[in-house]
Amino acid sequence: MSKRTTRLTRADFSKISVKYRANGRFFIVAASPLSGGIKFACVVSKKTTPKAHDRNLIRRRVRALFQEIAPKGAMAYIITAKKSANGATFAEIGEDLRCLLVKVGAGLRP
């Protein structure tokens, strides 16, 4: 799974209607069915952490973890970081993200 093919574009954002949302310790994950395979976006605002270095670190960690634990199916995931994600370890982020993707997956099943 390459990075380019898994990115959500601006056009994809306009097509998405969120079907399920799950809140965790560090993230909020929203999911929606989307044709064309699995795609995701990681959103880290300046309100979450004002330093670009910290925002980019969170994004890099989420992208790396999502590449490892990506669920199957044609879905769009929007992962929004909370303030508590700033300063969290890689292991803590991984645990929270895995748990949230399981919750979202269970909520989307018919």
PDB file of N, CA and C in Angstrom:
ATOM      1  N   MET A   1       0.857  -1.168   0.000  1.00  0.00           N
ATOM      2  CA  MET A   1       0.000   0.000   0.000  1.00  0.00           C
ATOM      3  C   MET A   1       0.904   1.232   0.000  1.00  0.00           C
ATOM      4  N   SER A   2       0.855   2.011  -1.061  1.00  0.00           N
ATOM      5  CA  SER A   2       1.713   3.188  -1.147  1.00  0.00           C
ATOM      6  C   SER A   2       1.040   4.392  -0.481  1.00  0.00           C
ATOM      7  N   LYS A   3       1.853   5.366  -0.130  1.00  0.00           N
ATOM      8  CA  LYS A   3       1.346   6.550   0.559  1.00  0.00           C
ATOM      9  C   LYS A   3       0.415   7.368  -0.325  1.00  0.00           C
ATOM     10  N   ARG A   4       0.755   7.508  -1.590  1.00  0.00           N
ATOM     11  CA  ARG A   4      -0.058   8.319  -2.502  1.00  0.00           C
ATOM     12  C   ARG A   4      -1.454   7.749  -2.691  1.00  0.00           C
ATOM     13  N   THR A   5      -1.565   6.441  -2.780  1.00  0.00           N
ATOM     14  CA  THR A   5      -2.867   5.832  -3.065  1.00  0.00           C
ATOM     15  C   THR A   5      -3.782   5.812  -1.852  1.00  0.00           C
ATOM     16  N   THR A   6      -3.239   5.989  -0.660  1.00  0.00           N
ATOM     17  CA  THR A   6      -4.066   5.946   0.538  1.00  0.00           C
ATOM     18  C   THR A   6      -4.465   7.322   1.059  1.00  0.00           C
ATOM     19  N   ARG A   7      -4.030   8.384   0.412  1.00  0.00           N
ATOM     20  CA  ARG A   7      -4.358   9.734   0.873  1.00  0.00           C
ATOM     21  C   ARG A   7      -5.773  10.130   0.506  1.00  0.00           C
ATOM     22  N   LEU A   8      -6.437  10.810   1.402  1.00  0.00           N
ATOM     23  CA  LEU A   8      -7.736  11.415   1.099  1.00  0.00           C
ATOM     24  C   LEU A   8      -7.480  12.786   0.478  1.00  0.00           C
ATOM     25  N   THR A   9      -8.102  13.054  -0.650  1.00  0.00           N
ATOM     26  CA  THR A   9      -7.953  14.349  -1.297  1.00  0.00           C
ATOM     27  C   THR A   9      -9.072  15.277  -0.841  1.00  0.00           C
ATOM     28  N   ARG A  10      -9.001  16.522  -1.237  1.00  0.00           N
ATOM     29  CA  ARG A  10     -10.072  17.474  -0.920  1.00  0.00           C
ATOM     30  C   ARG A  10     -11.387  17.031  -1.539  1.00  0.00           C
ATOM     31  N   ALA A  11     -11.328  16.474  -2.731  1.00  0.00           N
ATOM     32  CA  ALA A  11     -12.536  15.977  -3.395  1.00  0.00           C
ATOM     33  C   ALA A  11     -13.141  14.813  -2.616  1.00  0.00           C
ATOM     34  N   ASP A  12     -12.286  13.951  -2.056  1.00  0.00           N
ATOM     35  CA  ASP A  12     -12.774  12.831  -1.250  1.00  0.00           C
ATOM     36  C   ASP A  12     -13.461  13.326   0.022  1.00  0.00           C
ATOM     37  N   PHE A  13     -12.904  14.364   0.636  1.00  0.00           N
ATOM     38  CA  PHE A  13     -13.505  14.917   1.851  1.00  0.00           C
ATOM     39  C   PHE A  13     -14.930  15.392   1.589  1.00  0.00           C
ATOM     40  N   SER A  14     -15.172  15.965   0.420  1.00  0.00           N
ATOM     41  CA  SER A  14     -16.512  16.466   0.114  1.00  0.00           C
ATOM     42  C   SER A  14     -17.503  15.327  -0.142  1.00  0.00           C
ATOM     43  N   LYS A  15     -17.016  14.163  -0.563  1.00  0.00           N
ATOM     44  CA  LYS A  15     -17.882  13.011  -0.827  1.00  0.00           C
ATOM     45  C   LYS A  15     -18.256  12.240   0.438  1.00  0.00           C
ATOM     46  N   ILE A  16     -17.477  12.411   1.476  1.00  0.00           N
ATOM     47  CA  ILE A  16     -17.634  11.586   2.675  1.00  0.00           C
ATOM     48  C   ILE A  16     -18.812  12.046   3.522  1.00  0.00           C
ATOM     49  N   SER A  17     -19.620  11.066   3.927  1.00  0.00           N
ATOM     50  CA  SER A  17     -20.615  11.298   4.971  1.00  0.00           C
ATOM     51  C   SER A  17     -20.306  10.282   6.060  1.00  0.00           C
ATOM     52  N   VAL A  18     -19.886  10.760   7.205  1.00  0.00           N
ATOM     53  CA  VAL A  18     -19.394   9.906   8.276  1.00  0.00           C
ATOM     54  C   VAL A  18     -20.514   9.002   8.779  1.00  0.00           C
ATOM     55  N   LYS A  19     -20.238   7.698   8.757  1.00  0.00           N
ATOM     56  CA  LYS A  19     -21.213   6.703   9.214  1.00  0.00           C
ATOM     57  C   LYS A  19     -20.973   6.297  10.661  1.00  0.00           C
ATOM     58  N   TYR A  20     -19.730   6.342  11.096  1.00  0.00           N
ATOM     59  CA  TYR A  20     -19.421   5.933  12.467  1.00  0.00           C
ATOM     60  C   TYR A  20     -18.229   6.722  12.978  1.00  0.00           C
ATOM     61  N   ARG A  21     -18.258   7.049  14.268  1.00  0.00           N
ATOM     62  CA  ARG A  21     -17.188   7.817  14.898  1.00  0.00           C
ATOM     63  C   ARG A  21     -16.884   7.176  16.249  1.00  0.00           C
ATOM     64  N   ALA A  22     -15.607   7.090  16.569  1.00  0.00           N
ATOM     65  CA  ALA A  22     -15.187   6.525  17.855  1.00  0.00           C
ATOM     66  C   ALA A  22     -14.173   7.462  18.502  1.00  0.00           C
ATOM     67  N   ASN A  23     -14.316   7.664  19.804  1.00  0.00           N
ATOM     68  CA  ASN A  23     -13.415   8.522  20.573  1.00  0.00           C
ATOM     69  C   ASN A  23     -12.477   7.663  21.406  1.00  0.00           C
ATOM     70  N   GLY A  24     -11.217   8.027  21.394  1.00  0.00           N
ATOM     71  CA  GLY A  24     -10.231   7.333  22.202  1.00  0.00           C
ATOM     72  C   GLY A  24      -9.483   8.315  23.076  1.00  0.00           C
ATOM     73  N   ARG A  25      -8.416   7.830  23.663  1.00  0.00           N
ATOM     74  CA  ARG A  25      -7.623   8.659  24.559  1.00  0.00           C
ATOM     75  C   ARG A  25      -6.871   9.748  23.803  1.00  0.00           C
ATOM     76  N   PHE A  26      -6.354   9.413  22.615  1.00  0.00           N
ATOM     77  CA  PHE A  26      -5.539  10.349  21.851  1.00  0.00           C
ATOM     78  C   PHE A  26      -6.158  10.803  20.539  1.00  0.00           C
ATOM     79  N   PHE A  27      -7.141  10.055  20.024  1.00  0.00           N
ATOM     80  CA  PHE A  27      -7.674  10.333  18.695  1.00  0.00           C
ATOM     81  C   PHE A  27      -9.184  10.184  18.631  1.00  0.00           C
ATOM     82  N   ILE A  28      -9.758  10.797  17.594  1.00  0.00           N
ATOM     83  CA  ILE A  28     -11.133  10.560  17.188  1.00  0.00           C
ATOM     84  C   ILE A  28     -11.037   9.980  15.780  1.00  0.00           C
ATOM     85  N   VAL A  29     -11.667   8.833  15.560  1.00  0.00           N
ATOM     86  CA  VAL A  29     -11.630   8.196  14.249  1.00  0.00           C
ATOM     87  C   VAL A  29     -13.037   8.213  13.675  1.00  0.00           C
ATOM     88  N   ALA A  30     -13.170   8.773  12.489  1.00  0.00           N
ATOM     89  CA  ALA A  30     -14.442   8.794  11.760  1.00  0.00           C
ATOM     90  C   ALA A  30     -14.265   7.930  10.520  1.00  0.00           C
ATOM     91  N   ALA A  31     -15.292   7.141  10.194  1.00  0.00           N
ATOM     92  CA  ALA A  31     -15.191   6.238   9.047  1.00  0.00           C
ATOM     93  C   ALA A  31     -16.428   6.333   8.179  1.00  0.00           C
ATOM     94  N   SER A  32     -16.215   6.068   6.897  1.00  0.00           N
ATOM     95  CA  SER A  32     -17.292   6.119   5.927  1.00  0.00           C
ATOM     96  C   SER A  32     -16.948   5.193   4.762  1.00  0.00           C
ATOM     97  N   PRO A  33     -17.942   4.524   4.185  1.00  0.00           N
ATOM     98  CA  PRO A  33     -17.670   3.727   2.986  1.00  0.00           C
ATOM     99  C   PRO A  33     -17.250   4.643   1.834  1.00  0.00           C
ATOM    100  N   LEU A  34     -16.299   4.176   1.043  1.00  0.00           N
ATOM    101  CA  LEU A  34     -15.799   4.961  -0.079  1.00  0.00           C
ATOM    102  C   LEU A  34     -15.371   4.002  -1.174  1.00  0.00           C
ATOM    103  N   SER A  35     -15.788   4.246  -2.379  1.00  0.00           N
ATOM    104  CA  SER A  35     -15.385   3.369  -3.476  1.00  0.00           C
ATOM    105  C   SER A  35     -13.928   3.638  -3.838  1.00  0.00           C
ATOM    106  N   GLY A  36     -13.243   2.608  -4.262  1.00  0.00           N
ATOM    107  CA  GLY A  36     -11.875   2.801  -4.712  1.00  0.00           C
ATOM    108  C   GLY A  36     -10.812   2.410  -3.708  1.00  0.00           C
ATOM    109  N   GLY A  37     -11.124   1.612  -2.734  1.00  0.00           N
ATOM    110  CA  GLY A  37     -10.105   1.138  -1.801  1.00  0.00           C
ATOM    111  C   GLY A  37     -10.080   1.920  -0.509  1.00  0.00           C
ATOM    112  N   ILE A  38      -9.082   1.584   0.299  1.00  0.00           N
ATOM    113  CA  ILE A  38      -8.966   2.202   1.616  1.00  0.00           C
ATOM    114  C   ILE A  38      -8.168   3.504   1.514  1.00  0.00           C
ATOM    115  N   LYS A  39      -8.659   4.547   2.183  1.00  0.00           N
ATOM    116  CA  LYS A  39      -7.974   5.841   2.215  1.00  0.00           C
ATOM    117  C   LYS A  39      -8.093   6.407   3.619  1.00  0.00           C
ATOM    118  N   PHE A  40      -7.137   7.255   3.985  1.00  0.00           N
ATOM    119  CA  PHE A  40      -7.227   7.883   5.300  1.00  0.00           C
ATOM    120  C   PHE A  40      -6.521   9.226   5.305  1.00  0.00           C
ATOM    121  N   ALA A  41      -6.872  10.013   6.309  1.00  0.00           N
ATOM    122  CA  ALA A  41      -6.232  11.304   6.527  1.00  0.00           C
ATOM    123  C   ALA A  41      -6.003  11.469   8.017  1.00  0.00           C
ATOM    124  N   CYS A  42      -4.897  12.085   8.367  1.00  0.00           N
ATOM    125  CA  CYS A  42      -4.600  12.387   9.757  1.00  0.00           C
ATOM    126  C   CYS A  42      -4.641  13.903   9.913  1.00  0.00           C
ATOM    127  N   VAL A  43      -5.495  14.383  10.800  1.00  0.00           N
ATOM    128  CA  VAL A  43      -5.675  15.813  11.005  1.00  0.00           C
ATOM    129  C   VAL A  43      -5.132  16.187  12.384  1.00  0.00           C
ATOM    130  N   VAL A  44      -4.152  17.090  12.401  1.00  0.00           N
ATOM    131  CA  VAL A  44      -3.585  17.587  13.652  1.00  0.00           C
ATOM    132  C   VAL A  44      -3.601  19.106  13.563  1.00  0.00           C
ATOM    133  N   SER A  45      -4.428  19.737  14.354  1.00  0.00           N
ATOM    134  CA  SER A  45      -4.582  21.190  14.260  1.00  0.00           C
ATOM    135  C   SER A  45      -3.555  21.929  15.113  1.00  0.00           C
ATOM    136  N   LYS A  46      -3.451  23.221  14.869  1.00  0.00           N
ATOM    137  CA  LYS A  46      -2.575  24.068  15.676  1.00  0.00           C
ATOM    138  C   LYS A  46      -3.096  24.182  17.100  1.00  0.00           C
ATOM    139  N   LYS A  47      -4.379  23.983  17.266  1.00  0.00           N
ATOM    140  CA  LYS A  47      -4.963  24.034  18.599  1.00  0.00           C
ATOM    141  C   LYS A  47      -4.494  22.826  19.424  1.00  0.00           C
ATOM    142  N   THR A  48      -4.268  21.708  18.744  1.00  0.00           N
ATOM    143  CA  THR A  48      -3.786  20.502  19.416  1.00  0.00           C
ATOM    144  C   THR A  48      -2.376  20.718  19.940  1.00  0.00           C
ATOM    145  N   THR A  49      -1.500  21.169  19.067  1.00  0.00           N
ATOM    146  CA  THR A  49      -0.124  21.488  19.454  1.00  0.00           C
ATOM    147  C   THR A  49       0.388  22.594  18.542  1.00  0.00           C
ATOM    148  N   PRO A  50       0.827  23.698  19.084  1.00  0.00           N
ATOM    149  CA  PRO A  50       1.200  24.846  18.261  1.00  0.00           C
ATOM    150  C   PRO A  50       2.481  24.666  17.444  1.00  0.00           C
ATOM    151  N   LYS A  51       3.352  23.756  17.830  1.00  0.00           N
ATOM    152  CA  LYS A  51       4.623  23.590  17.120  1.00  0.00           C
ATOM    153  C   LYS A  51       4.472  22.615  15.956  1.00  0.00           C
ATOM    154  N   ALA A  52       4.941  23.040  14.789  1.00  0.00           N
ATOM    155  CA  ALA A  52       4.858  22.217  13.581  1.00  0.00           C
ATOM    156  C   ALA A  52       5.624  20.906  13.754  1.00  0.00           C
ATOM    157  N   HIS A  53       6.720  20.955  14.466  1.00  0.00           N
ATOM    158  CA  HIS A  53       7.518  19.754  14.706  1.00  0.00           C
ATOM    159  C   HIS A  53       6.674  18.681  15.395  1.00  0.00           C
ATOM    160  N   ASP A  54       5.922  19.072  16.408  1.00  0.00           N
ATOM    161  CA  ASP A  54       5.090  18.118  17.148  1.00  0.00           C
ATOM    162  C   ASP A  54       3.922  17.614  16.302  1.00  0.00           C
ATOM    163  N   ARG A  55       3.311  18.503  15.513  1.00  0.00           N
ATOM    164  CA  ARG A  55       2.211  18.087  14.629  1.00  0.00           C
ATOM    165  C   ARG A  55       2.701  17.069  13.610  1.00  0.00           C
ATOM    166  N   ASN A  56       3.864  17.336  13.025  1.00  0.00           N
ATOM    167  CA  ASN A  56       4.419  16.418  12.030  1.00  0.00           C
ATOM    168  C   ASN A  56       4.813  15.081  12.649  1.00  0.00           C
ATOM    169  N   LEU A  57       5.301  15.097  13.870  1.00  0.00           N
ATOM    170  CA  LEU A  57       5.662  13.864  14.556  1.00  0.00           C
ATOM    171  C   LEU A  57       4.428  12.983  14.756  1.00  0.00           C
ATOM    172  N   ILE A  58       3.336  13.587  15.195  1.00  0.00           N
ATOM    173  CA  ILE A  58       2.092  12.839  15.384  1.00  0.00           C
ATOM    174  C   ILE A  58       1.625  12.260  14.052  1.00  0.00           C
ATOM    175  N   ARG A  59       1.653  13.062  12.995  1.00  0.00           N
ATOM    176  CA  ARG A  59       1.236  12.590  11.665  1.00  0.00           C
ATOM    177  C   ARG A  59       2.089  11.421  11.183  1.00  0.00           C
ATOM    178  N   ARG A  60       3.398  11.537  11.337  1.00  0.00           N
ATOM    179  CA  ARG A  60       4.301  10.464  10.895  1.00  0.00           C
ATOM    180  C   ARG A  60       4.026   9.170  11.648  1.00  0.00           C
ATOM    181  N   ARG A  61       3.806   9.280  12.944  1.00  0.00           N
ATOM    182  CA  ARG A  61       3.528   8.086  13.748  1.00  0.00           C
ATOM    183  C   ARG A  61       2.210   7.436  13.333  1.00  0.00           C
ATOM    184  N   VAL A  62       1.190   8.250  13.116  1.00  0.00           N
ATOM    185  CA  VAL A  62      -0.112   7.705  12.718  1.00  0.00           C
ATOM    186  C   VAL A  62      -0.013   7.044  11.347  1.00  0.00           C
ATOM    187  N   ARG A  63       0.661   7.683  10.402  1.00  0.00           N
ATOM    188  CA  ARG A  63       0.817   7.086   9.067  1.00  0.00           C
ATOM    189  C   ARG A  63       1.540   5.748   9.136  1.00  0.00           C
ATOM    190  N   ALA A  64       2.607   5.688   9.915  1.00  0.00           N
ATOM    191  CA  ALA A  64       3.374   4.441  10.033  1.00  0.00           C
ATOM    192  C   ALA A  64       2.519   3.335  10.650  1.00  0.00           C
ATOM    193  N   LEU A  65       1.784   3.658  11.681  1.00  0.00           N
ATOM    194  CA  LEU A  65       0.928   2.660  12.331  1.00  0.00           C
ATOM    195  C   LEU A  65      -0.219   2.232  11.427  1.00  0.00           C
ATOM    196  N   PHE A  66      -0.801   3.179  10.714  1.00  0.00           N
ATOM    197  CA  PHE A  66      -1.921   2.843   9.842  1.00  0.00           C
ATOM    198  C   PHE A  66      -1.457   1.913   8.716  1.00  0.00           C
ATOM    199  N   GLN A  67      -0.251   2.101   8.218  1.00  0.00           N
ATOM    200  CA  GLN A  67       0.276   1.218   7.180  1.00  0.00           C
ATOM    201  C   GLN A  67       0.406  -0.214   7.704  1.00  0.00           C
ATOM    202  N   GLU A  68       0.739  -0.369   8.994  1.00  0.00           N
ATOM    203  CA  GLU A  68       0.872  -1.694   9.610  1.00  0.00           C
ATOM    204  C   GLU A  68      -0.467  -2.356   9.869  1.00  0.00           C
ATOM    205  N   ILE A  69      -1.416  -1.600  10.402  1.00  0.00           N
ATOM    206  CA  ILE A  69      -2.656  -2.204  10.914  1.00  0.00           C
ATOM    207  C   ILE A  69      -3.878  -1.824  10.093  1.00  0.00           C
ATOM    208  N   ALA A  70      -3.680  -1.442   8.842  1.00  0.00           N
ATOM    209  CA  ALA A  70      -4.795  -0.996   8.004  1.00  0.00           C
ATOM    210  C   ALA A  70      -5.853  -2.085   7.870  1.00  0.00           C
ATOM    211  N   PRO A  71      -7.095  -1.757   8.184  1.00  0.00           N
ATOM    212  CA  PRO A  71      -8.181  -2.726   8.015  1.00  0.00           C
ATOM    213  C   PRO A  71      -8.463  -2.959   6.533  1.00  0.00           C
ATOM    214  N   LYS A  72      -9.189  -4.013   6.239  1.00  0.00           N
ATOM    215  CA  LYS A  72      -9.533  -4.352   4.860  1.00  0.00           C
ATOM    216  C   LYS A  72     -10.833  -3.657   4.465  1.00  0.00           C
ATOM    217  N   GLY A  73     -11.040  -3.526   3.153  1.00  0.00           N
ATOM    218  CA  GLY A  73     -12.290  -2.959   2.662  1.00  0.00           C
ATOM    219  C   GLY A  73     -12.108  -1.582   2.061  1.00  0.00           C
ATOM    220  N   ALA A  74     -13.137  -1.137   1.363  1.00  0.00           N
ATOM    221  CA  ALA A  74     -13.133   0.180   0.728  1.00  0.00           C
ATOM    222  C   ALA A  74     -13.732   1.190   1.694  1.00  0.00           C
ATOM    223  N   MET A  75     -12.890   1.789   2.497  1.00  0.00           N
ATOM    224  CA  MET A  75     -13.339   2.712   3.534  1.00  0.00           C
ATOM    225  C   MET A  75     -12.473   3.968   3.520  1.00  0.00           C
ATOM    226  N   ALA A  76     -13.039   5.040   4.039  1.00  0.00           N
ATOM    227  CA  ALA A  76     -12.302   6.284   4.258  1.00  0.00           C
ATOM    228  C   ALA A  76     -12.252   6.530   5.762  1.00  0.00           C
ATOM    229  N   TYR A  77     -11.082   6.781   6.272  1.00  0.00           N
ATOM    230  CA  TYR A  77     -10.890   7.040   7.700  1.00  0.00           C
ATOM    231  C   TYR A  77     -10.310   8.436   7.877  1.00  0.00           C
ATOM    232  N   ILE A  78     -10.877   9.184   8.804  1.00  0.00           N
ATOM    233  CA  ILE A  78     -10.335  10.491   9.174  1.00  0.00           C
ATOM    234  C   ILE A  78      -9.929  10.382  10.638  1.00  0.00           C
ATOM    235  N   ILE A  79      -8.640  10.525  10.880  1.00  0.00           N
ATOM    236  CA  ILE A  79      -8.090  10.387  12.227  1.00  0.00           C
ATOM    237  C   ILE A  79      -7.722  11.781  12.708  1.00  0.00           C
ATOM    238  N   THR A  80      -8.410  12.250  13.739  1.00  0.00           N
ATOM    239  CA  THR A  80      -8.192  13.588  14.279  1.00  0.00           C
ATOM    240  C   THR A  80      -7.512  13.471  15.638  1.00  0.00           C
ATOM    241  N   ALA A  81      -6.387  14.145  15.804  1.00  0.00           N
ATOM    242  CA  ALA A  81      -5.623  14.078  17.054  1.00  0.00           C
ATOM    243  C   ALA A  81      -6.230  14.993  18.111  1.00  0.00           C
ATOM    244  N   LYS A  82      -6.172  14.525  19.351  1.00  0.00           N
ATOM    245  CA  LYS A  82      -6.575  15.333  20.503  1.00  0.00           C
ATOM    246  C   LYS A  82      -5.316  15.941  21.133  1.00  0.00           C
ATOM    247  N   LYS A  83      -5.502  16.880  22.056  1.00  0.00           N
ATOM    248  CA  LYS A  83      -4.366  17.517  22.726  1.00  0.00           C
ATOM    249  C   LYS A  83      -3.506  16.507  23.469  1.00  0.00           C
ATOM    250  N   SER A  84      -4.127  15.461  23.977  1.00  0.00           N
ATOM    251  CA  SER A  84      -3.381  14.467  24.743  1.00  0.00           C
ATOM    252  C   SER A  84      -2.405  13.670  23.883  1.00  0.00           C
ATOM    253  N   ALA A  85      -2.552  13.707  22.550  1.00  0.00           N
ATOM    254  CA  ALA A  85      -1.627  12.991  21.657  1.00  0.00           C
ATOM    255  C   ALA A  85      -0.238  13.610  21.671  1.00  0.00           C
ATOM    256  N   ASN A  86      -0.150  14.886  22.013  1.00  0.00           N
ATOM    257  CA  ASN A  86       1.144  15.556  22.094  1.00  0.00           C
ATOM    258  C   ASN A  86       1.902  14.991  23.295  1.00  0.00           C
ATOM    259  N   GLY A  87       3.037  14.405  23.032  1.00  0.00           N
ATOM    260  CA  GLY A  87       3.838  13.833  24.109  1.00  0.00           C
ATOM    261  C   GLY A  87       3.584  12.356  24.352  1.00  0.00           C
ATOM    262  N   ALA A  88       2.646  11.756  23.632  1.00  0.00           N
ATOM    263  CA  ALA A  88       2.375  10.332  23.789  1.00  0.00           C
ATOM    264  C   ALA A  88       3.457   9.526  23.087  1.00  0.00           C
ATOM    265  N   THR A  89       3.746   8.354  23.628  1.00  0.00           N
ATOM    266  CA  THR A  89       4.767   7.500  23.021  1.00  0.00           C
ATOM    267  C   THR A  89       4.183   6.770  21.813  1.00  0.00           C
ATOM    268  N   PHE A  90       5.079   6.200  21.006  1.00  0.00           N
ATOM    269  CA  PHE A  90       4.674   5.454  19.817  1.00  0.00           C
ATOM    270  C   PHE A  90       3.796   4.261  20.210  1.00  0.00           C
ATOM    271  N   ALA A  91       4.160   3.592  21.288  1.00  0.00           N
ATOM    272  CA  ALA A  91       3.391   2.425  21.749  1.00  0.00           C
ATOM    273  C   ALA A  91       1.991   2.827  22.209  1.00  0.00           C
ATOM    274  N   GLU A  92       1.874   3.928  22.925  1.00  0.00           N
ATOM    275  CA  GLU A  92       0.563   4.398  23.390  1.00  0.00           C
ATOM    276  C   GLU A  92      -0.331   4.782  22.215  1.00  0.00           C
ATOM    277  N   ILE A  93       0.245   5.461  21.238  1.00  0.00           N
ATOM    278  CA  ILE A  93      -0.522   5.845  20.052  1.00  0.00           C
ATOM    279  C   ILE A  93      -0.982   4.597  19.303  1.00  0.00           C
ATOM    280  N   GLY A  94      -0.098   3.625  19.184  1.00  0.00           N
ATOM    281  CA  GLY A  94      -0.444   2.384  18.495  1.00  0.00           C
ATOM    282  C   GLY A  94      -1.573   1.639  19.174  1.00  0.00           C
ATOM    283  N   GLU A  95      -1.518   1.554  20.484  1.00  0.00           N
ATOM    284  CA  GLU A  95      -2.564   0.865  21.248  1.00  0.00           C
ATOM    285  C   GLU A  95      -3.916   1.555  21.077  1.00  0.00           C
ATOM    286  N   ASP A  96      -3.925   2.873  21.166  1.00  0.00           N
ATOM    287  CA  ASP A  96      -5.166   3.631  21.028  1.00  0.00           C
ATOM    288  C   ASP A  96      -5.737   3.515  19.615  1.00  0.00           C
ATOM    289  N   LEU A  97      -4.874   3.619  18.622  1.00  0.00           N
ATOM    290  CA  LEU A  97      -5.317   3.539  17.228  1.00  0.00           C
ATOM    291  C   LEU A  97      -5.871   2.160  16.895  1.00  0.00           C
ATOM    292  N   ARG A  98      -5.212   1.110  17.361  1.00  0.00           N
ATOM    293  CA  ARG A  98      -5.714  -0.260  17.130  1.00  0.00           C
ATOM    294  C   ARG A  98      -7.103  -0.437  17.738  1.00  0.00           C
ATOM    295  N   CYS A  99      -7.256   0.018  18.961  1.00  0.00           N
ATOM    296  CA  CYS A  99      -8.539  -0.098  19.662  1.00  0.00           C
ATOM    297  C   CYS A  99      -9.638   0.658  18.915  1.00  0.00           C
ATOM    298  N   LEU A 100      -9.341   1.859  18.462  1.00  0.00           N
ATOM    299  CA  LEU A 100     -10.331   2.666  17.760  1.00  0.00           C
ATOM    300  C   LEU A 100     -10.720   2.066  16.418  1.00  0.00           C
ATOM    301  N   LEU A 101      -9.755   1.520  15.701  1.00  0.00           N
ATOM    302  CA  LEU A 101     -10.082   0.902  14.401  1.00  0.00           C
ATOM    303  C   LEU A 101     -10.942  -0.338  14.575  1.00  0.00           C
ATOM    304  N   VAL A 102     -10.740  -1.074  15.657  1.00  0.00           N
ATOM    305  CA  VAL A 102     -11.610  -2.225  15.961  1.00  0.00           C
ATOM    306  C   VAL A 102     -13.025  -1.748  16.283  1.00  0.00           C
ATOM    307  N   LYS A 103     -13.141  -0.682  17.089  1.00  0.00           N
ATOM    308  CA  LYS A 103     -14.454  -0.123  17.431  1.00  0.00           C
ATOM    309  C   LYS A 103     -15.205   0.349  16.191  1.00  0.00           C
ATOM    310  N   VAL A 104     -14.506   1.075  15.336  1.00  0.00           N
ATOM    311  CA  VAL A 104     -15.120   1.602  14.116  1.00  0.00           C
ATOM    312  C   VAL A 104     -15.533   0.456  13.198  1.00  0.00           C
ATOM    313  N   GLY A 105     -14.676  -0.544  13.074  1.00  0.00           N
ATOM    314  CA  GLY A 105     -14.984  -1.693  12.243  1.00  0.00           C
ATOM    315  C   GLY A 105     -16.216  -2.449  12.731  1.00  0.00           C
ATOM    316  N   ALA A 106     -16.339  -2.577  14.049  1.00  0.00           N
ATOM    317  CA  ALA A 106     -17.504  -3.266  14.617  1.00  0.00           C
ATOM    318  C   ALA A 106     -18.770  -2.457  14.406  1.00  0.00           C
ATOM    319  N   GLY A 107     -18.663  -1.146  14.466  1.00  0.00           N
ATOM    320  CA  GLY A 107     -19.832  -0.291  14.291  1.00  0.00           C
ATOM    321  C   GLY A 107     -20.331  -0.237  12.853  1.00  0.00           C
ATOM    322  N   LEU A 108     -19.440  -0.497  11.911  1.00  0.00           N
ATOM    323  CA  LEU A 108     -19.813  -0.414  10.496  1.00  0.00           C
ATOM    324  C   LEU A 108     -20.378  -1.717   9.949  1.00  0.00           C
ATOM    325  N   ARG A 109     -20.213  -2.803  10.665  1.00  0.00           N
ATOM    326  CA  ARG A 109     -20.734  -4.078  10.187  1.00  0.00           C
ATOM    327  C   ARG A 109     -22.261  -4.084  10.275  1.00  0.00           C
ATOM    328  N   PRO A 110     -22.915  -4.687   9.280  1.00  0.00           N
ATOM    329  CA  PRO A 110     -24.391  -4.695   9.304  1.00  0.00           C
ATOM    330  C   PRO A 110     -24.976  -5.566  10.393  1.00  0.00           C
TER     331      PRO A 110
END
